[in-house]
PDB file of all heavy atoms in Angstrom:
ATOM      1  N   SER A   1     172.073  84.698  39.603  1.00  0.00           N
ATOM      2  CA  SER A   1     173.378  84.050  39.462  1.00  0.00           C
ATOM      3  C   SER A   1     173.496  82.784  40.286  1.00  0.00           C
ATOM      4  O   SER A   1     174.391  81.975  40.057  1.00  0.00           O
ATOM      5  CB  SER A   1     174.490  85.032  39.839  1.00  0.00           C
ATOM      6  OG  SER A   1     174.298  85.506  41.153  1.00  0.00           O
ATOM      7  N   ARG A   2     172.622  82.625  41.245  1.00  0.00           N
ATOM      8  CA  ARG A   2     172.600  81.397  42.032  1.00  0.00           C
ATOM      9  C   ARG A   2     171.188  81.190  42.558  1.00  0.00           C
ATOM     10  O   ARG A   2     170.366  82.109  42.536  1.00  0.00           O
ATOM     11  CB  ARG A   2     173.599  81.470  43.201  1.00  0.00           C
ATOM     12  CG  ARG A   2     173.303  82.545  44.222  1.00  0.00           C
ATOM     13  CD  ARG A   2     174.178  82.385  45.452  1.00  0.00           C
ATOM     14  NE  ARG A   2     174.029  83.471  46.412  1.00  0.00           N
ATOM     15  CZ  ARG A   2     173.058  83.537  47.308  1.00  0.00           C
ATOM     16  NH1 ARG A   2     172.129  82.600  47.366  1.00  0.00           N
ATOM     17  NH2 ARG A   2     173.029  84.549  48.166  1.00  0.00           N
ATOM     18  N   ARG A   3     170.952  79.988  43.019  1.00  0.00           N
ATOM     19  CA  ARG A   3     169.649  79.704  43.602  1.00  0.00           C
ATOM     20  C   ARG A   3     169.476  80.544  44.855  1.00  0.00           C
ATOM     21  O   ARG A   3     170.403  80.685  45.656  1.00  0.00           O
ATOM     22  CB  ARG A   3     169.520  78.228  43.941  1.00  0.00           C
ATOM     23  CG  ARG A   3     168.132  77.863  44.425  1.00  0.00           C
ATOM     24  CD  ARG A   3     167.945  76.377  44.545  1.00  0.00           C
ATOM     25  NE  ARG A   3     166.599  76.055  45.008  1.00  0.00           N
ATOM     26  CZ  ARG A   3     166.131  74.809  45.140  1.00  0.00           C
ATOM     27  NH1 ARG A   3     166.903  73.798  44.826  1.00  0.00           N
ATOM     28  NH2 ARG A   3     164.908  74.613  45.560  1.00  0.00           N
ATOM     29  N   MET A   4     168.292  81.086  45.009  1.00  0.00           N
ATOM     30  CA  MET A   4     168.026  81.930  46.155  1.00  0.00           C
ATOM     31  C   MET A   4     167.004  81.264  47.069  1.00  0.00           C
ATOM     32  O   MET A   4     166.099  80.575  46.609  1.00  0.00           O
ATOM     33  CB  MET A   4     167.521  83.299  45.697  1.00  0.00           C
ATOM     34  CG  MET A   4     168.544  84.052  44.859  1.00  0.00           C
ATOM     35  SD  MET A   4     167.922  85.627  44.301  1.00  0.00           S
ATOM     36  CE  MET A   4     167.759  86.467  45.874  1.00  0.00           C
ATOM     37  N   PHE A   5     167.171  81.530  48.344  1.00  0.00           N
ATOM     38  CA  PHE A   5     166.268  80.968  49.342  1.00  0.00           C
ATOM     39  C   PHE A   5     165.572  82.099  50.081  1.00  0.00           C
ATOM     40  O   PHE A   5     165.992  83.239  50.046  1.00  0.00           O
ATOM     41  CB  PHE A   5     167.051  80.078  50.310  1.00  0.00           C
ATOM     42  CG  PHE A   5     167.728  78.923  49.647  1.00  0.00           C
ATOM     43  CD1 PHE A   5     169.037  79.034  49.175  1.00  0.00           C
ATOM     44  CD2 PHE A   5     167.058  77.728  49.448  1.00  0.00           C
ATOM     45  CE1 PHE A   5     169.658  77.965  48.553  1.00  0.00           C
ATOM     46  CE2 PHE A   5     167.677  76.666  48.817  1.00  0.00           C
ATOM     47  CZ  PHE A   5     168.971  76.780  48.366  1.00  0.00           C
ATOM     48  N   SER A   6     164.493  81.761  50.715  1.00  0.00           N
ATOM     49  CA  SER A   6     163.737  82.726  51.525  1.00  0.00           C
ATOM     50  C   SER A   6     163.248  83.908  50.695  1.00  0.00           C
ATOM     51  O   SER A   6     163.218  85.042  51.169  1.00  0.00           O
ATOM     52  CB  SER A   6     164.585  83.236  52.707  1.00  0.00           C
ATOM     53  OG  SER A   6     165.005  82.162  53.505  1.00  0.00           O
ATOM     54  N   ILE A   7     162.887  83.635  49.460  1.00  0.00           N
ATOM     55  CA  ILE A   7     162.343  84.700  48.622  1.00  0.00           C
ATOM     56  C   ILE A   7     160.930  85.029  49.081  1.00  0.00           C
ATOM     57  O   ILE A   7     160.097  84.147  49.273  1.00  0.00           O
ATOM     58  CB  ILE A   7     162.337  84.287  47.150  1.00  0.00           C
ATOM     59  CG1 ILE A   7     163.779  84.213  46.619  1.00  0.00           C
ATOM     60  CG2 ILE A   7     161.537  85.279  46.320  1.00  0.00           C
ATOM     61  CD1 ILE A   7     163.871  83.786  45.183  1.00  0.00           C
ATOM     62  N   VAL A   8     160.675  86.302  49.250  1.00  0.00           N
ATOM     63  CA  VAL A   8     159.342  86.762  49.616  1.00  0.00           C
ATOM     64  C   VAL A   8     158.527  87.058  48.357  1.00  0.00           C
ATOM     65  O   VAL A   8     157.365  86.691  48.247  1.00  0.00           O
ATOM     66  CB  VAL A   8     159.428  88.019  50.496  1.00  0.00           C
ATOM     67  CG1 VAL A   8     158.045  88.574  50.775  1.00  0.00           C
ATOM     68  CG2 VAL A   8     160.169  87.706  51.787  1.00  0.00           C
ATOM     69  N   SER A   9     159.175  87.742  47.428  1.00  0.00           N
ATOM     70  CA  SER A   9     158.490  88.066  46.176  1.00  0.00           C
ATOM     71  C   SER A   9     159.504  88.337  45.085  1.00  0.00           C
ATOM     72  O   SER A   9     160.673  88.619  45.338  1.00  0.00           O
ATOM     73  CB  SER A   9     157.587  89.285  46.354  1.00  0.00           C
ATOM     74  OG  SER A   9     158.354  90.443  46.601  1.00  0.00           O
ATOM     75  N   MET A  10     159.010  88.245  43.847  1.00  0.00           N
ATOM     76  CA  MET A  10     159.803  88.557  42.670  1.00  0.00           C
ATOM     77  C   MET A  10     158.931  89.445  41.794  1.00  0.00           C
ATOM     78  O   MET A  10     157.733  89.178  41.649  1.00  0.00           O
ATOM     79  CB  MET A  10     160.177  87.279  41.946  1.00  0.00           C
ATOM     80  CG  MET A  10     160.923  86.283  42.824  1.00  0.00           C
ATOM     81  SD  MET A  10     160.795  84.582  42.252  1.00  0.00           S
ATOM     82  CE  MET A  10     161.793  84.674  40.782  1.00  0.00           C
ATOM     83  N   GLY A  11     159.534  90.468  41.222  1.00  0.00           N
ATOM     84  CA  GLY A  11     158.705  91.382  40.468  1.00  0.00           C
ATOM     85  C   GLY A  11     159.410  92.060  39.322  1.00  0.00           C
ATOM     86  O   GLY A  11     160.637  91.988  39.193  1.00  0.00           O
ATOM     87  N   TRP A  12     158.601  92.696  38.510  1.00  0.00           N
ATOM     88  CA  TRP A  12     159.090  93.515  37.402  1.00  0.00           C
ATOM     89  C   TRP A  12     158.645  94.954  37.632  1.00  0.00           C
ATOM     90  O   TRP A  12     157.485  95.206  37.986  1.00  0.00           O
ATOM     91  CB  TRP A  12     158.538  93.013  36.065  1.00  0.00           C
ATOM     92  CG  TRP A  12     159.131  91.735  35.601  1.00  0.00           C
ATOM     93  CD1 TRP A  12     158.612  90.483  35.771  1.00  0.00           C
ATOM     94  CD2 TRP A  12     160.372  91.574  34.903  1.00  0.00           C
ATOM     95  NE1 TRP A  12     159.452  89.546  35.219  1.00  0.00           N
ATOM     96  CE2 TRP A  12     160.539  90.195  34.680  1.00  0.00           C
ATOM     97  CE3 TRP A  12     161.346  92.445  34.441  1.00  0.00           C
ATOM     98  CZ2 TRP A  12     161.654  89.670  34.009  1.00  0.00           C
ATOM     99  CZ3 TRP A  12     162.447  91.932  33.786  1.00  0.00           C
ATOM    100  CH2 TRP A  12     162.596  90.564  33.575  1.00  0.00           C
ATOM    101  N   TYR A  13     159.571  95.857  37.405  1.00  0.00           N
ATOM    102  CA  TYR A  13     159.314  97.281  37.508  1.00  0.00           C
ATOM    103  C   TYR A  13     159.769  97.921  36.202  1.00  0.00           C
ATOM    104  O   TYR A  13     160.548  97.333  35.446  1.00  0.00           O
ATOM    105  CB  TYR A  13     160.094  97.905  38.668  1.00  0.00           C
ATOM    106  CG  TYR A  13     159.623  97.466  40.022  1.00  0.00           C
ATOM    107  CD1 TYR A  13     159.885  96.190  40.509  1.00  0.00           C
ATOM    108  CD2 TYR A  13     158.912  98.342  40.847  1.00  0.00           C
ATOM    109  CE1 TYR A  13     159.442  95.786  41.754  1.00  0.00           C
ATOM    110  CE2 TYR A  13     158.465  97.955  42.108  1.00  0.00           C
ATOM    111  CZ  TYR A  13     158.734  96.672  42.546  1.00  0.00           C
ATOM    112  OH  TYR A  13     158.297  96.275  43.786  1.00  0.00           O
ATOM    113  N   ARG A  14     159.310  99.146  35.971  1.00  0.00           N
ATOM    114  CA  ARG A  14     159.786  99.844  34.788  1.00  0.00           C
ATOM    115  C   ARG A  14     159.934 101.335  35.089  1.00  0.00           C
ATOM    116  O   ARG A  14     159.283 101.861  35.988  1.00  0.00           O
ATOM    117  CB  ARG A  14     158.830  99.643  33.610  1.00  0.00           C
ATOM    118  CG  ARG A  14     157.489 100.348  33.721  1.00  0.00           C
ATOM    119  CD  ARG A  14     156.591  99.958  32.561  1.00  0.00           C
ATOM    120  NE  ARG A  14     155.376 100.757  32.529  1.00  0.00           N
ATOM    121  CZ  ARG A  14     154.385 100.547  31.669  1.00  0.00           C
ATOM    122  NH1 ARG A  14     154.452  99.560  30.775  1.00  0.00           N
ATOM    123  NH2 ARG A  14     153.312 101.330  31.686  1.00  0.00           N
ATOM    124  N   GLN A  15     160.790 101.952  34.304  1.00  0.00           N
ATOM    125  CA  GLN A  15     161.004 103.391  34.457  1.00  0.00           C
ATOM    126  C   GLN A  15     161.162 104.003  33.079  1.00  0.00           C
ATOM    127  O   GLN A  15     162.081 103.645  32.331  1.00  0.00           O
ATOM    128  CB  GLN A  15     162.236 103.671  35.324  1.00  0.00           C
ATOM    129  CG  GLN A  15     162.411 105.137  35.642  1.00  0.00           C
ATOM    130  CD  GLN A  15     163.439 105.375  36.732  1.00  0.00           C
ATOM    131  OE1 GLN A  15     164.263 104.519  37.048  1.00  0.00           O
ATOM    132  NE2 GLN A  15     163.393 106.543  37.348  1.00  0.00           N
ATOM    133  N   ALA A  16     160.265 104.903  32.783  1.00  0.00           N
ATOM    134  CA  ALA A  16     160.326 105.633  31.516  1.00  0.00           C
ATOM    135  C   ALA A  16     161.092 106.935  31.748  1.00  0.00           C
ATOM    136  O   ALA A  16     161.160 107.421  32.885  1.00  0.00           O
ATOM    137  CB  ALA A  16     158.922 105.916  31.011  1.00  0.00           C
ATOM    138  N   PRO A  17     161.651 107.513  30.710  1.00  0.00           N
ATOM    139  CA  PRO A  17     162.409 108.768  30.871  1.00  0.00           C
ATOM    140  C   PRO A  17     161.556 109.850  31.520  1.00  0.00           C
ATOM    141  O   PRO A  17     160.416 110.086  31.115  1.00  0.00           O
ATOM    142  CB  PRO A  17     162.766 109.130  29.432  1.00  0.00           C
ATOM    143  CG  PRO A  17     162.793 107.839  28.701  1.00  0.00           C
ATOM    144  CD  PRO A  17     161.709 107.008  29.328  1.00  0.00           C
ATOM    145  N   GLY A  18     162.107 110.466  32.546  1.00  0.00           N
ATOM    146  CA  GLY A  18     161.417 111.546  33.223  1.00  0.00           C
ATOM    147  C   GLY A  18     160.342 111.106  34.197  1.00  0.00           C
ATOM    148  O   GLY A  18     159.649 111.940  34.774  1.00  0.00           O
ATOM    149  N   LYS A  19     160.200 109.801  34.374  1.00  0.00           N
ATOM    150  CA  LYS A  19     159.168 109.285  35.283  1.00  0.00           C
ATOM    151  C   LYS A  19     159.795 108.444  36.379  1.00  0.00           C
ATOM    152  O   LYS A  19     160.918 107.980  36.268  1.00  0.00           O
ATOM    153  CB  LYS A  19     158.140 108.463  34.506  1.00  0.00           C
ATOM    154  CG  LYS A  19     157.340 109.259  33.502  1.00  0.00           C
ATOM    155  CD  LYS A  19     156.245 108.413  32.894  1.00  0.00           C
ATOM    156  CE  LYS A  19     155.390 109.216  31.926  1.00  0.00           C
ATOM    157  NZ  LYS A  19     154.295 108.403  31.338  1.00  0.00           N
ATOM    158  N   GLN A  20     159.024 108.240  37.437  1.00  0.00           N
ATOM    159  CA  GLN A  20     159.488 107.404  38.528  1.00  0.00           C
ATOM    160  C   GLN A  20     159.361 105.926  38.174  1.00  0.00           C
ATOM    161  O   GLN A  20     158.538 105.544  37.335  1.00  0.00           O
ATOM    162  CB  GLN A  20     158.676 107.709  39.793  1.00  0.00           C
ATOM    163  CG  GLN A  20     158.950 109.065  40.397  1.00  0.00           C
ATOM    164  CD  GLN A  20     158.272 109.242  41.741  1.00  0.00           C
ATOM    165  OE1 GLN A  20     157.244 108.637  42.011  1.00  0.00           O
ATOM    166  NE2 GLN A  20     158.853 110.069  42.594  1.00  0.00           N
ATOM    167  N   ARG A  21     160.155 105.125  38.826  1.00  0.00           N
ATOM    168  CA  ARG A  21     160.059 103.679  38.650  1.00  0.00           C
ATOM    169  C   ARG A  21     158.706 103.216  39.194  1.00  0.00           C
ATOM    170  O   ARG A  21     158.281 103.656  40.270  1.00  0.00           O
ATOM    171  CB  ARG A  21     161.196 102.969  39.372  1.00  0.00           C
ATOM    172  CG  ARG A  21     161.315 101.491  39.059  1.00  0.00           C
ATOM    173  CD  ARG A  21     162.549 100.890  39.702  1.00  0.00           C
ATOM    174  NE  ARG A  21     163.780 101.498  39.197  1.00  0.00           N
ATOM    175  CZ  ARG A  21     164.989 101.027  39.486  1.00  0.00           C
ATOM    176  NH1 ARG A  21     165.133  99.953  40.257  1.00  0.00           N
ATOM    177  NH2 ARG A  21     166.060 101.634  39.014  1.00  0.00           N
ATOM    178  N   GLU A  22     158.061 102.314  38.473  1.00  0.00           N
ATOM    179  CA  GLU A  22     156.741 101.849  38.888  1.00  0.00           C
ATOM    180  C   GLU A  22     156.658 100.329  38.795  1.00  0.00           C
ATOM    181  O   GLU A  22     157.314  99.696  37.968  1.00  0.00           O
ATOM    182  CB  GLU A  22     155.637 102.473  38.016  1.00  0.00           C
ATOM    183  CG  GLU A  22     155.756 102.200  36.535  1.00  0.00           C
ATOM    184  CD  GLU A  22     154.736 102.946  35.702  1.00  0.00           C
ATOM    185  OE1 GLU A  22     153.880 103.666  36.263  1.00  0.00           O
ATOM    186  OE2 GLU A  22     154.789 102.816  34.460  1.00  0.00           O
ATOM    187  N   LEU A  23     155.826  99.769  39.661  1.00  0.00           N
ATOM    188  CA  LEU A  23     155.615  98.337  39.666  1.00  0.00           C
ATOM    189  C   LEU A  23     154.797  97.930  38.448  1.00  0.00           C
ATOM    190  O   LEU A  23     153.782  98.556  38.128  1.00  0.00           O
ATOM    191  CB  LEU A  23     154.881  97.911  40.940  1.00  0.00           C
ATOM    192  CG  LEU A  23     154.461  96.453  41.017  1.00  0.00           C
ATOM    193  CD1 LEU A  23     155.685  95.546  41.108  1.00  0.00           C
ATOM    194  CD2 LEU A  23     153.535  96.230  42.210  1.00  0.00           C
ATOM    195  N   VAL A  24     155.229  96.860  37.803  1.00  0.00           N
ATOM    196  CA  VAL A  24     154.497  96.307  36.669  1.00  0.00           C
ATOM    197  C   VAL A  24     153.738  95.054  37.097  1.00  0.00           C
ATOM    198  O   VAL A  24     152.534  94.939  36.889  1.00  0.00           O
ATOM    199  CB  VAL A  24     155.455  95.957  35.508  1.00  0.00           C
ATOM    200  CG1 VAL A  24     154.697  95.271  34.376  1.00  0.00           C
ATOM    201  CG2 VAL A  24     156.160  97.212  35.012  1.00  0.00           C
ATOM    202  N   ALA A  25     154.455  94.114  37.708  1.00  0.00           N
ATOM    203  CA  ALA A  25     153.841  92.858  38.120  1.00  0.00           C
ATOM    204  C   ALA A  25     154.705  92.232  39.206  1.00  0.00           C
ATOM    205  O   ALA A  25     155.914  92.451  39.253  1.00  0.00           O
ATOM    206  CB  ALA A  25     153.708  91.898  36.940  1.00  0.00           C
ATOM    207  N   ILE A  26     154.048  91.453  40.052  1.00  0.00           N
ATOM    208  CA  ILE A  26     154.772  90.822  41.149  1.00  0.00           C
ATOM    209  C   ILE A  26     154.199  89.436  41.390  1.00  0.00           C
ATOM    210  O   ILE A  26     153.006  89.208  41.178  1.00  0.00           O
ATOM    211  CB  ILE A  26     154.694  91.708  42.417  1.00  0.00           C
ATOM    212  CG1 ILE A  26     155.701  91.274  43.459  1.00  0.00           C
ATOM    213  CG2 ILE A  26     153.285  91.741  42.966  1.00  0.00           C
ATOM    214  CD1 ILE A  26     155.896  92.304  44.564  1.00  0.00           C
ATOM    215  N   ILE A  27     155.064  88.515  41.791  1.00  0.00           N
ATOM    216  CA  ILE A  27     154.623  87.166  42.125  1.00  0.00           C
ATOM    217  C   ILE A  27     155.205  86.815  43.485  1.00  0.00           C
ATOM    218  O   ILE A  27     156.400  87.019  43.729  1.00  0.00           O
ATOM    219  CB  ILE A  27     155.045  86.158  41.026  1.00  0.00           C
ATOM    220  CG1 ILE A  27     154.511  84.755  41.342  1.00  0.00           C
ATOM    221  CG2 ILE A  27     156.549  86.133  40.803  1.00  0.00           C
ATOM    222  CD1 ILE A  27     154.613  83.800  40.166  1.00  0.00           C
ATOM    223  N   SER A  28     154.368  86.310  44.367  1.00  0.00           N
ATOM    224  CA  SER A  28     154.821  86.008  45.719  1.00  0.00           C
ATOM    225  C   SER A  28     155.463  84.627  45.767  1.00  0.00           C
ATOM    226  O   SER A  28     155.395  83.850  44.812  1.00  0.00           O
ATOM    227  CB  SER A  28     153.637  86.054  46.673  1.00  0.00           C
ATOM    228  OG  SER A  28     152.793  84.927  46.446  1.00  0.00           O
ATOM    229  N   SER A  29     156.038  84.325  46.910  1.00  0.00           N
ATOM    230  CA  SER A  29     156.648  83.012  47.078  1.00  0.00           C
ATOM    231  C   SER A  29     155.616  81.903  46.941  1.00  0.00           C
ATOM    232  O   SER A  29     155.930  80.791  46.519  1.00  0.00           O
ATOM    233  CB  SER A  29     157.334  82.923  48.434  1.00  0.00           C
ATOM    234  OG  SER A  29     156.392  83.151  49.473  1.00  0.00           O
ATOM    235  N   GLY A  30     154.375  82.213  47.274  1.00  0.00           N
ATOM    236  CA  GLY A  30     153.314  81.221  47.168  1.00  0.00           C
ATOM    237  C   GLY A  30     152.721  81.114  45.783  1.00  0.00           C
ATOM    238  O   GLY A  30     151.876  80.248  45.526  1.00  0.00           O
ATOM    239  N   GLY A  31     153.132  82.020  44.892  1.00  0.00           N
ATOM    240  CA  GLY A  31     152.659  81.940  43.509  1.00  0.00           C
ATOM    241  C   GLY A  31     151.541  82.899  43.156  1.00  0.00           C
ATOM    242  O   GLY A  31     151.121  82.966  41.996  1.00  0.00           O
ATOM    243  N   SER A  32     151.062  83.661  44.128  1.00  0.00           N
ATOM    244  CA  SER A  32     150.014  84.622  43.797  1.00  0.00           C
ATOM    245  C   SER A  32     150.608  85.798  43.044  1.00  0.00           C
ATOM    246  O   SER A  32     151.759  86.176  43.278  1.00  0.00           O
ATOM    247  CB  SER A  32     149.297  85.097  45.058  1.00  0.00           C
ATOM    248  OG  SER A  32     150.201  85.729  45.921  1.00  0.00           O
ATOM    249  N   THR A  33     149.840  86.351  42.134  1.00  0.00           N
ATOM    250  CA  THR A  33     150.340  87.419  41.271  1.00  0.00           C
ATOM    251  C   THR A  33     149.501  88.684  41.436  1.00  0.00           C
ATOM    252  O   THR A  33     148.324  88.635  41.821  1.00  0.00           O
ATOM    253  CB  THR A  33     150.315  86.991  39.802  1.00  0.00           C
ATOM    254  OG1 THR A  33     148.983  86.633  39.438  1.00  0.00           O
ATOM    255  CG2 THR A  33     151.236  85.807  39.559  1.00  0.00           C
ATOM    256  N   ASN A  34     150.130  89.785  41.131  1.00  0.00           N
ATOM    257  CA  ASN A  34     149.439  91.065  41.168  1.00  0.00           C
ATOM    258  C   ASN A  34     150.004  91.923  40.046  1.00  0.00           C
ATOM    259  O   ASN A  34     151.227  91.898  39.795  1.00  0.00           O
ATOM    260  CB  ASN A  34     149.649  91.748  42.517  1.00  0.00           C
ATOM    261  CG  ASN A  34     148.631  92.832  42.774  1.00  0.00           C
ATOM    262  OD1 ASN A  34     147.619  92.923  42.084  1.00  0.00           O
ATOM    263  ND2 ASN A  34     148.889  93.658  43.771  1.00  0.00           N
ATOM    264  N   TYR A  35     149.129  92.661  39.392  1.00  0.00           N
ATOM    265  CA  TYR A  35     149.524  93.456  38.234  1.00  0.00           C
ATOM    266  C   TYR A  35     149.089  94.903  38.390  1.00  0.00           C
ATOM    267  O   TYR A  35     148.035  95.191  38.969  1.00  0.00           O
ATOM    268  CB  TYR A  35     148.884  92.892  36.958  1.00  0.00           C
ATOM    269  CG  TYR A  35     149.337  91.503  36.600  1.00  0.00           C
ATOM    270  CD1 TYR A  35     148.663  90.391  37.082  1.00  0.00           C
ATOM    271  CD2 TYR A  35     150.436  91.303  35.775  1.00  0.00           C
ATOM    272  CE1 TYR A  35     149.077  89.107  36.760  1.00  0.00           C
ATOM    273  CE2 TYR A  35     150.855  90.031  35.438  1.00  0.00           C
ATOM    274  CZ  TYR A  35     150.174  88.939  35.941  1.00  0.00           C
ATOM    275  OH  TYR A  35     150.588  87.672  35.615  1.00  0.00           O
ATOM    276  N   ALA A  36     149.877  95.791  37.811  1.00  0.00           N
ATOM    277  CA  ALA A  36     149.444  97.172  37.700  1.00  0.00           C
ATOM    278  C   ALA A  36     148.250  97.229  36.755  1.00  0.00           C
ATOM    279  O   ALA A  36     148.152  96.436  35.804  1.00  0.00           O
ATOM    280  CB  ALA A  36     150.577  98.039  37.168  1.00  0.00           C
ATOM    281  N   ASP A  37     147.368  98.158  37.010  1.00  0.00           N
ATOM    282  CA  ASP A  37     146.163  98.249  36.186  1.00  0.00           C
ATOM    283  C   ASP A  37     146.482  98.424  34.708  1.00  0.00           C
ATOM    284  O   ASP A  37     145.769  97.906  33.844  1.00  0.00           O
ATOM    285  CB  ASP A  37     145.285  99.413  36.672  1.00  0.00           C
ATOM    286  CG  ASP A  37     144.580  99.100  37.983  1.00  0.00           C
ATOM    287  OD1 ASP A  37     144.505  97.911  38.344  1.00  0.00           O
ATOM    288  OD2 ASP A  37     144.109 100.044  38.640  1.00  0.00           O
ATOM    289  N   PHE A  38     147.569  99.135  34.425  1.00  0.00           N
ATOM    290  CA  PHE A  38     147.853  99.449  33.033  1.00  0.00           C
ATOM    291  C   PHE A  38     148.391  98.253  32.237  1.00  0.00           C
ATOM    292  O   PHE A  38     148.568  98.349  31.021  1.00  0.00           O
ATOM    293  CB  PHE A  38     148.820 100.637  32.917  1.00  0.00           C
ATOM    294  CG  PHE A  38     150.087 100.491  33.712  1.00  0.00           C
ATOM    295  CD1 PHE A  38     151.127  99.693  33.261  1.00  0.00           C
ATOM    296  CD2 PHE A  38     150.239 101.151  34.922  1.00  0.00           C
ATOM    297  CE1 PHE A  38     152.292  99.558  33.986  1.00  0.00           C
ATOM    298  CE2 PHE A  38     151.410 101.027  35.669  1.00  0.00           C
ATOM    299  CZ  PHE A  38     152.438 100.220  35.201  1.00  0.00           C
ATOM    300  N   VAL A  39     148.631  97.104  32.892  1.00  0.00           N
ATOM    301  CA  VAL A  39     149.083  95.922  32.158  1.00  0.00           C
ATOM    302  C   VAL A  39     148.156  94.723  32.312  1.00  0.00           C
ATOM    303  O   VAL A  39     148.387  93.688  31.690  1.00  0.00           O
ATOM    304  CB  VAL A  39     150.517  95.504  32.559  1.00  0.00           C
ATOM    305  CG1 VAL A  39     151.495  96.651  32.339  1.00  0.00           C
ATOM    306  CG2 VAL A  39     150.573  94.995  33.987  1.00  0.00           C
ATOM    307  N   LYS A  40     147.128  94.868  33.103  1.00  0.00           N
ATOM    308  CA  LYS A  40     146.220  93.742  33.309  1.00  0.00           C
ATOM    309  C   LYS A  40     145.626  93.270  31.989  1.00  0.00           C
ATOM    310  O   LYS A  40     145.150  94.059  31.186  1.00  0.00           O
ATOM    311  CB  LYS A  40     145.105  94.142  34.275  1.00  0.00           C
ATOM    312  CG  LYS A  40     145.544  94.161  35.723  1.00  0.00           C
ATOM    313  CD  LYS A  40     144.395  94.523  36.647  1.00  0.00           C
ATOM    314  CE  LYS A  40     144.841  94.503  38.105  1.00  0.00           C
ATOM    315  NZ  LYS A  40     143.748  94.913  39.025  1.00  0.00           N
ATOM    316  N   GLY A  41     145.694  91.957  31.815  1.00  0.00           N
ATOM    317  CA  GLY A  41     145.162  91.362  30.598  1.00  0.00           C
ATOM    318  C   GLY A  41     146.145  91.344  29.444  1.00  0.00           C
ATOM    319  O   GLY A  41     145.890  90.709  28.422  1.00  0.00           O
TER     320      GLY A  41
END
């Protein structure tokens, strides 16, 4: 809703019915990315 400062990271998570929320992908303030194995590629 507004510009944010001092961001450390931004990411996507998902939660399927009956399962815990899990990390999908994350991007750091410096631009480096990391992905869950199940979405790589």
